[in-house]
Amino acid sequence: MALDRRVRRTRFAIHRALMDLMLEKGYEAVTVTEIIDRADIGRSTFYAHYTDKRDVLYASLDELAGFLRAHRDDGEGLFGFSLAMFEHAHEQRLLIRALLGRRGGTVVRDRIAYVIGELVREQLVAHNPAPAIPLDLLVAGVVGAYMALLARWADGDEPHTPAQLDAAFRQLVTPGVAAALGPGRPG
């Protein structure tokens, strides 16, 4: 069911307020009161939509999960979402830097890693539900490599293009994933 236009506007204002405040002072330092003030809404309106600032953050990241799922088959082989995510990160530099940069906080990075991990797990299981390496370790390795590249880019002024980041990610993980999935499995 589509959300009412007023509900969408209110939620957008709340999300935008959280992201702007994160850019200014970091996630950990942001309070619900500041979000309410920045979004120019009442306290009861905030709590009609969200339980706390983590709930706002998770809702924002759920949108990212939807974006990644829509692009999961864009590339060749596994991890088709990779290039699309790097391109999205490049287009939304300020937002991604707020989420993943030094000011994002561990809650933010952990949730993004979780979102990417769920997508990676789904793709790996679809190719081989019993890889040579325990699935949780394989997922952790893939997500770790992806997050390291994304965070390094977010924290600095990396001159690398999304295509270069995607190529590096694939060169780092494809051989190990292919070996873990077994002979004849896509990598």
C-alpha atoms as a PDB file:
ATOM      1  CA  MET A   1       0.000   0.000   0.000  1.00  0.00           C
ATOM      2  CA  ALA A   2       1.399   3.398  -0.996  1.00  0.00           C
ATOM      3  CA  LEU A   3       2.035   5.865   1.761  1.00  0.00           C
ATOM      4  CA  ASP A   4       0.020   9.055   1.993  1.00  0.00           C
ATOM      5  CA  ARG A   5       1.838  12.060   0.523  1.00  0.00           C
ATOM      6  CA  ARG A   6       1.966  13.790   3.931  1.00  0.00           C
ATOM      7  CA  VAL A   7       3.459  10.685   5.538  1.00  0.00           C
ATOM      8  CA  ARG A   8       6.127  10.484   2.815  1.00  0.00           C
ATOM      9  CA  ARG A   9       6.969  14.183   3.252  1.00  0.00           C
ATOM     10  CA  THR A  10       7.225  13.816   7.029  1.00  0.00           C
ATOM     11  CA  ARG A  11       9.413  10.728   6.801  1.00  0.00           C
ATOM     12  CA  PHE A  12      11.619  12.381   4.199  1.00  0.00           C
ATOM     13  CA  ALA A  13      12.048  15.426   6.466  1.00  0.00           C
ATOM     14  CA  ILE A  14      13.011  13.172   9.375  1.00  0.00           C
ATOM     15  CA  HIS A  15      15.480  11.155   7.281  1.00  0.00           C
ATOM     16  CA  ARG A  16      16.992  14.301   5.802  1.00  0.00           C
ATOM     17  CA  ALA A  17      17.332  15.850   9.269  1.00  0.00           C
ATOM     18  CA  LEU A  18      19.158  12.787  10.575  1.00  0.00           C
ATOM     19  CA  MET A  19      21.537  12.712   7.597  1.00  0.00           C
ATOM     20  CA  ASP A  20      22.262  16.450   7.815  1.00  0.00           C
ATOM     21  CA  LEU A  21      22.936  16.200  11.531  1.00  0.00           C
ATOM     22  CA  MET A  22      25.181  13.182  11.003  1.00  0.00           C
ATOM     23  CA  LEU A  23      27.233  15.194   8.527  1.00  0.00           C
ATOM     24  CA  GLU A  24      27.585  17.988  11.074  1.00  0.00           C
ATOM     25  CA  LYS A  25      28.289  16.056  14.245  1.00  0.00           C
ATOM     26  CA  GLY A  26      28.238  12.309  13.698  1.00  0.00           C
ATOM     27  CA  TYR A  27      25.543   9.730  14.401  1.00  0.00           C
ATOM     28  CA  GLU A  28      26.393   9.088  18.044  1.00  0.00           C
ATOM     29  CA  ALA A  29      26.070  12.777  18.972  1.00  0.00           C
ATOM     30  CA  VAL A  30      22.671  13.294  17.314  1.00  0.00           C
ATOM     31  CA  THR A  31      19.607  13.363  19.577  1.00  0.00           C
ATOM     32  CA  VAL A  32      15.952  12.808  18.748  1.00  0.00           C
ATOM     33  CA  THR A  33      15.227  16.359  19.899  1.00  0.00           C
ATOM     34  CA  GLU A  34      17.684  17.698  17.305  1.00  0.00           C
ATOM     35  CA  ILE A  35      16.079  15.581  14.592  1.00  0.00           C
ATOM     36  CA  ILE A  36      12.633  16.885  15.567  1.00  0.00           C
ATOM     37  CA  ASP A  37      13.851  20.495  15.558  1.00  0.00           C
ATOM     38  CA  ARG A  38      15.675  20.142  12.233  1.00  0.00           C
ATOM     39  CA  ALA A  39      12.709  18.397  10.580  1.00  0.00           C
ATOM     40  CA  ASP A  40      10.392  21.059  12.026  1.00  0.00           C
ATOM     41  CA  ILE A  41       7.872  18.537  13.331  1.00  0.00           C
ATOM     42  CA  GLY A  42       6.325  17.831  16.702  1.00  0.00           C
ATOM     43  CA  ARG A  43       7.583  15.193  19.111  1.00  0.00           C
ATOM     44  CA  SER A  44       4.335  13.188  18.809  1.00  0.00           C
ATOM     45  CA  THR A  45       4.664  13.262  15.004  1.00  0.00           C
ATOM     46  CA  PHE A  46       8.182  11.835  15.242  1.00  0.00           C
ATOM     47  CA  TYR A  47       7.060   9.049  17.554  1.00  0.00           C
ATOM     48  CA  ALA A  48       4.057   8.276  15.343  1.00  0.00           C
ATOM     49  CA  HIS A  49       6.575   7.261  12.669  1.00  0.00           C
ATOM     50  CA  TYR A  50       9.673   6.052  14.531  1.00  0.00           C
ATOM     51  CA  THR A  51      10.646   4.755  17.956  1.00  0.00           C
ATOM     52  CA  ASP A  52      14.111   6.357  18.099  1.00  0.00           C
ATOM     53  CA  LYS A  53      16.975   7.590  15.932  1.00  0.00           C
ATOM     54  CA  ARG A  54      18.143   4.026  15.237  1.00  0.00           C
ATOM     55  CA  ASP A  55      14.718   3.259  13.795  1.00  0.00           C
ATOM     56  CA  VAL A  56      15.098   6.246  11.434  1.00  0.00           C
ATOM     57  CA  LEU A  57      18.558   5.058  10.436  1.00  0.00           C
ATOM     58  CA  TYR A  58      17.405   1.491   9.802  1.00  0.00           C
ATOM     59  CA  ALA A  59      14.488   2.714   7.689  1.00  0.00           C
ATOM     60  CA  SER A  60      16.935   4.725   5.584  1.00  0.00           C
ATOM     61  CA  LEU A  61      19.172   1.708   5.183  1.00  0.00           C
ATOM     62  CA  ASP A  62      16.235  -0.521   4.296  1.00  0.00           C
ATOM     63  CA  GLU A  63      15.814   1.729   1.258  1.00  0.00           C
ATOM     64  CA  LEU A  64      19.456   1.006   0.416  1.00  0.00           C
ATOM     65  CA  ALA A  65      18.735  -2.720   0.710  1.00  0.00           C
ATOM     66  CA  GLY A  66      15.882  -2.336  -1.764  1.00  0.00           C
ATOM     67  CA  PHE A  67      18.177  -0.489  -4.153  1.00  0.00           C
ATOM     68  CA  LEU A  68      20.830  -3.223  -3.909  1.00  0.00           C
ATOM     69  CA  ARG A  69      18.279  -5.987  -4.440  1.00  0.00           C
ATOM     70  CA  ALA A  70      17.012  -4.223  -7.555  1.00  0.00           C
ATOM     71  CA  HIS A  71      20.584  -4.221  -8.909  1.00  0.00           C
ATOM     72  CA  ARG A  72      21.809  -7.611  -7.689  1.00  0.00           C
ATOM     73  CA  ASP A  73      21.848  -9.106 -11.173  1.00  0.00           C
ATOM     74  CA  ASP A  74      23.270  -6.072 -13.010  1.00  0.00           C
ATOM     75  CA  GLY A  75      26.809  -7.398 -13.377  1.00  0.00           C
ATOM     76  CA  GLU A  76      28.238 -10.632 -14.645  1.00  0.00           C
ATOM     77  CA  GLY A  77      28.471 -13.463 -12.149  1.00  0.00           C
ATOM     78  CA  LEU A  78      27.935 -12.888  -8.465  1.00  0.00           C
ATOM     79  CA  PHE A  79      27.642  -9.528  -6.730  1.00  0.00           C
ATOM     80  CA  GLY A  80      25.979  -7.659  -9.571  1.00  0.00           C
ATOM     81  CA  PHE A  81      25.011  -5.003  -7.033  1.00  0.00           C
ATOM     82  CA  SER A  82      28.662  -4.001  -6.593  1.00  0.00           C
ATOM     83  CA  LEU A  83      29.069  -1.496  -9.412  1.00  0.00           C
ATOM     84  CA  ALA A  84      25.586  -0.060  -8.848  1.00  0.00           C
ATOM     85  CA  MET A  85      26.391   0.498  -5.168  1.00  0.00           C
ATOM     86  CA  PHE A  86      29.719   2.167  -5.926  1.00  0.00           C
ATOM     87  CA  GLU A  87      27.971   4.383  -8.510  1.00  0.00           C
ATOM     88  CA  HIS A  88      25.223   5.198  -6.014  1.00  0.00           C
ATOM     89  CA  ALA A  89      27.870   6.025  -3.405  1.00  0.00           C
ATOM     90  CA  HIS A  90      29.579   8.322  -5.886  1.00  0.00           C
ATOM     91  CA  GLU A  91      26.305  10.094  -6.770  1.00  0.00           C
ATOM     92  CA  GLN A  92      25.312  10.419  -3.104  1.00  0.00           C
ATOM     93  CA  ARG A  93      28.781  11.315  -1.778  1.00  0.00           C
ATOM     94  CA  LEU A  94      27.619  13.467   1.112  1.00  0.00           C
ATOM     95  CA  LEU A  95      25.062  10.940   2.295  1.00  0.00           C
ATOM     96  CA  ILE A  96      27.436   7.979   2.009  1.00  0.00           C
ATOM     97  CA  ARG A  97      30.174   9.904   3.779  1.00  0.00           C
ATOM     98  CA  ALA A  98      27.710  10.680   6.558  1.00  0.00           C
ATOM     99  CA  LEU A  99      26.778   7.020   6.804  1.00  0.00           C
ATOM    100  CA  LEU A 100      30.172   5.370   6.353  1.00  0.00           C
ATOM    101  CA  GLY A 101      32.705   8.050   7.110  1.00  0.00           C
ATOM    102  CA  ARG A 102      34.339   8.776  10.440  1.00  0.00           C
ATOM    103  CA  ARG A 103      31.150  10.436  11.722  1.00  0.00           C
ATOM    104  CA  GLY A 104      28.852   7.520  10.902  1.00  0.00           C
ATOM    105  CA  GLY A 105      29.571   5.421  13.933  1.00  0.00           C
ATOM    106  CA  THR A 106      29.722   1.676  14.379  1.00  0.00           C
ATOM    107  CA  VAL A 107      25.925   1.285  14.470  1.00  0.00           C
ATOM    108  CA  VAL A 108      25.751   2.678  10.949  1.00  0.00           C
ATOM    109  CA  ARG A 109      28.617   0.615   9.552  1.00  0.00           C
ATOM    110  CA  ASP A 110      27.319  -2.549  11.222  1.00  0.00           C
ATOM    111  CA  ARG A 111      23.860  -2.093   9.737  1.00  0.00           C
ATOM    112  CA  ILE A 112      25.218  -1.431   6.235  1.00  0.00           C
ATOM    113  CA  ALA A 113      27.422  -4.524   6.548  1.00  0.00           C
ATOM    114  CA  TYR A 114      24.355  -6.498   7.648  1.00  0.00           C
ATOM    115  CA  VAL A 115      22.321  -5.274   4.661  1.00  0.00           C
ATOM    116  CA  ILE A 116      25.103  -6.157   2.206  1.00  0.00           C
ATOM    117  CA  GLY A 117      25.744  -9.439   4.032  1.00  0.00           C
ATOM    118  CA  GLU A 118      22.141 -10.582   3.626  1.00  0.00           C
ATOM    119  CA  LEU A 119      22.310  -9.933  -0.117  1.00  0.00           C
ATOM    120  CA  VAL A 120      25.672 -11.712  -0.428  1.00  0.00           C
ATOM    121  CA  ARG A 121      24.355 -14.680   1.583  1.00  0.00           C
ATOM    122  CA  GLU A 122      21.295 -14.985  -0.695  1.00  0.00           C
ATOM    123  CA  GLN A 123      23.471 -14.970  -3.795  1.00  0.00           C
ATOM    124  CA  LEU A 124      25.971 -17.489  -2.433  1.00  0.00           C
ATOM    125  CA  VAL A 125      23.250 -19.888  -1.271  1.00  0.00           C
ATOM    126  CA  ALA A 126      21.589 -19.652  -4.696  1.00  0.00           C
ATOM    127  CA  HIS A 127      24.859 -20.827  -6.294  1.00  0.00           C
ATOM    128  CA  ASN A 128      25.837 -23.428  -3.699  1.00  0.00           C
ATOM    129  CA  PRO A 129      24.063 -23.875  -0.362  1.00  0.00           C
ATOM    130  CA  ALA A 130      27.044 -25.834   1.027  1.00  0.00           C
ATOM    131  CA  PRO A 131      30.295 -24.132  -0.047  1.00  0.00           C
ATOM    132  CA  ALA A 132      33.719 -25.530   0.883  1.00  0.00           C
ATOM    133  CA  ILE A 133      34.157 -22.733   3.447  1.00  0.00           C
ATOM    134  CA  PRO A 134      31.448 -22.267   6.102  1.00  0.00           C
ATOM    135  CA  LEU A 135      28.897 -19.859   4.649  1.00  0.00           C
ATOM    136  CA  ASP A 136      29.126 -17.348   7.516  1.00  0.00           C
ATOM    137  CA  LEU A 137      32.903 -17.056   7.049  1.00  0.00           C
ATOM    138  CA  LEU A 138      32.571 -16.688   3.289  1.00  0.00           C
ATOM    139  CA  VAL A 139      29.947 -13.950   3.703  1.00  0.00           C
ATOM    140  CA  ALA A 140      32.109 -12.183   6.306  1.00  0.00           C
ATOM    141  CA  GLY A 141      35.098 -12.177   3.943  1.00  0.00           C
ATOM    142  CA  VAL A 142      33.138 -10.816   0.986  1.00  0.00           C
ATOM    143  CA  VAL A 143      31.387  -8.155   3.060  1.00  0.00           C
ATOM    144  CA  GLY A 144      34.647  -7.199   4.771  1.00  0.00           C
ATOM    145  CA  ALA A 145      36.379  -6.594   1.445  1.00  0.00           C
ATOM    146  CA  TYR A 146      33.440  -4.599   0.102  1.00  0.00           C
ATOM    147  CA  MET A 147      33.043  -2.495   3.236  1.00  0.00           C
ATOM    148  CA  ALA A 148      36.785  -1.796   3.416  1.00  0.00           C
ATOM    149  CA  LEU A 149      36.818  -0.369  -0.098  1.00  0.00           C
ATOM    150  CA  LEU A 150      33.608   1.586   0.428  1.00  0.00           C
ATOM    151  CA  ALA A 151      34.720   2.990   3.789  1.00  0.00           C
ATOM    152  CA  ARG A 152      38.159   3.944   2.471  1.00  0.00           C
ATOM    153  CA  TRP A 153      36.489   5.830  -0.341  1.00  0.00           C
ATOM    154  CA  ALA A 154      33.986   7.475   2.047  1.00  0.00           C
ATOM    155  CA  ASP A 155      36.652   8.600   4.504  1.00  0.00           C
ATOM    156  CA  GLY A 156      38.842  10.372   2.015  1.00  0.00           C
ATOM    157  CA  ASP A 157      39.040  11.930  -1.364  1.00  0.00           C
ATOM    158  CA  GLU A 158      39.882   8.718  -3.164  1.00  0.00           C
ATOM    159  CA  PRO A 159      40.393   9.450  -6.850  1.00  0.00           C
ATOM    160  CA  HIS A 160      39.085   6.035  -7.889  1.00  0.00           C
ATOM    161  CA  THR A 161      36.020   5.733 -10.061  1.00  0.00           C
ATOM    162  CA  PRO A 162      33.119   3.416  -9.236  1.00  0.00           C
ATOM    163  CA  ALA A 163      34.283   1.111 -12.056  1.00  0.00           C
ATOM    164  CA  GLN A 164      37.797   0.939 -10.557  1.00  0.00           C
ATOM    165  CA  LEU A 165      36.412   0.162  -7.093  1.00  0.00           C
ATOM    166  CA  ASP A 166      34.155  -2.536  -8.548  1.00  0.00           C
ATOM    167  CA  ALA A 167      37.068  -4.069 -10.490  1.00  0.00           C
ATOM    168  CA  ALA A 168      39.248  -4.092  -7.367  1.00  0.00           C
ATOM    169  CA  PHE A 169      36.467  -5.699  -5.326  1.00  0.00           C
ATOM    170  CA  ARG A 170      35.921  -8.396  -7.923  1.00  0.00           C
ATOM    171  CA  GLN A 171      39.647  -9.118  -8.294  1.00  0.00           C
ATOM    172  CA  LEU A 172      39.964  -9.440  -4.531  1.00  0.00           C
ATOM    173  CA  VAL A 173      37.012 -11.751  -3.897  1.00  0.00           C
ATOM    174  CA  THR A 174      36.186 -13.645  -7.087  1.00  0.00           C
ATOM    175  CA  PRO A 175      39.016 -16.231  -6.969  1.00  0.00           C
ATOM    176  CA  GLY A 176      38.322 -17.151  -3.330  1.00  0.00           C
ATOM    177  CA  VAL A 177      34.562 -17.268  -3.788  1.00  0.00           C
ATOM    178  CA  ALA A 178      34.872 -19.368  -6.942  1.00  0.00           C
ATOM    179  CA  ALA A 179      37.126 -21.839  -5.103  1.00  0.00           C
ATOM    180  CA  ALA A 180      34.738 -22.013  -2.142  1.00  0.00           C
ATOM    181  CA  LEU A 181      31.703 -22.582  -4.352  1.00  0.00           C
ATOM    182  CA  GLY A 182      33.406 -25.454  -6.174  1.00  0.00           C
ATOM    183  CA  PRO A 183      34.269 -26.362  -9.748  1.00  0.00           C
ATOM    184  CA  GLY A 184      32.049 -25.012 -12.465  1.00  0.00           C
ATOM    185  CA  ARG A 185      30.388 -22.507 -10.140  1.00  0.00           C
ATOM    186  CA  PRO A 186      30.098 -18.886 -11.273  1.00  0.00           C
ATOM    187  CA  GLY A 187      32.418 -16.452  -9.551  1.00  0.00           C
END
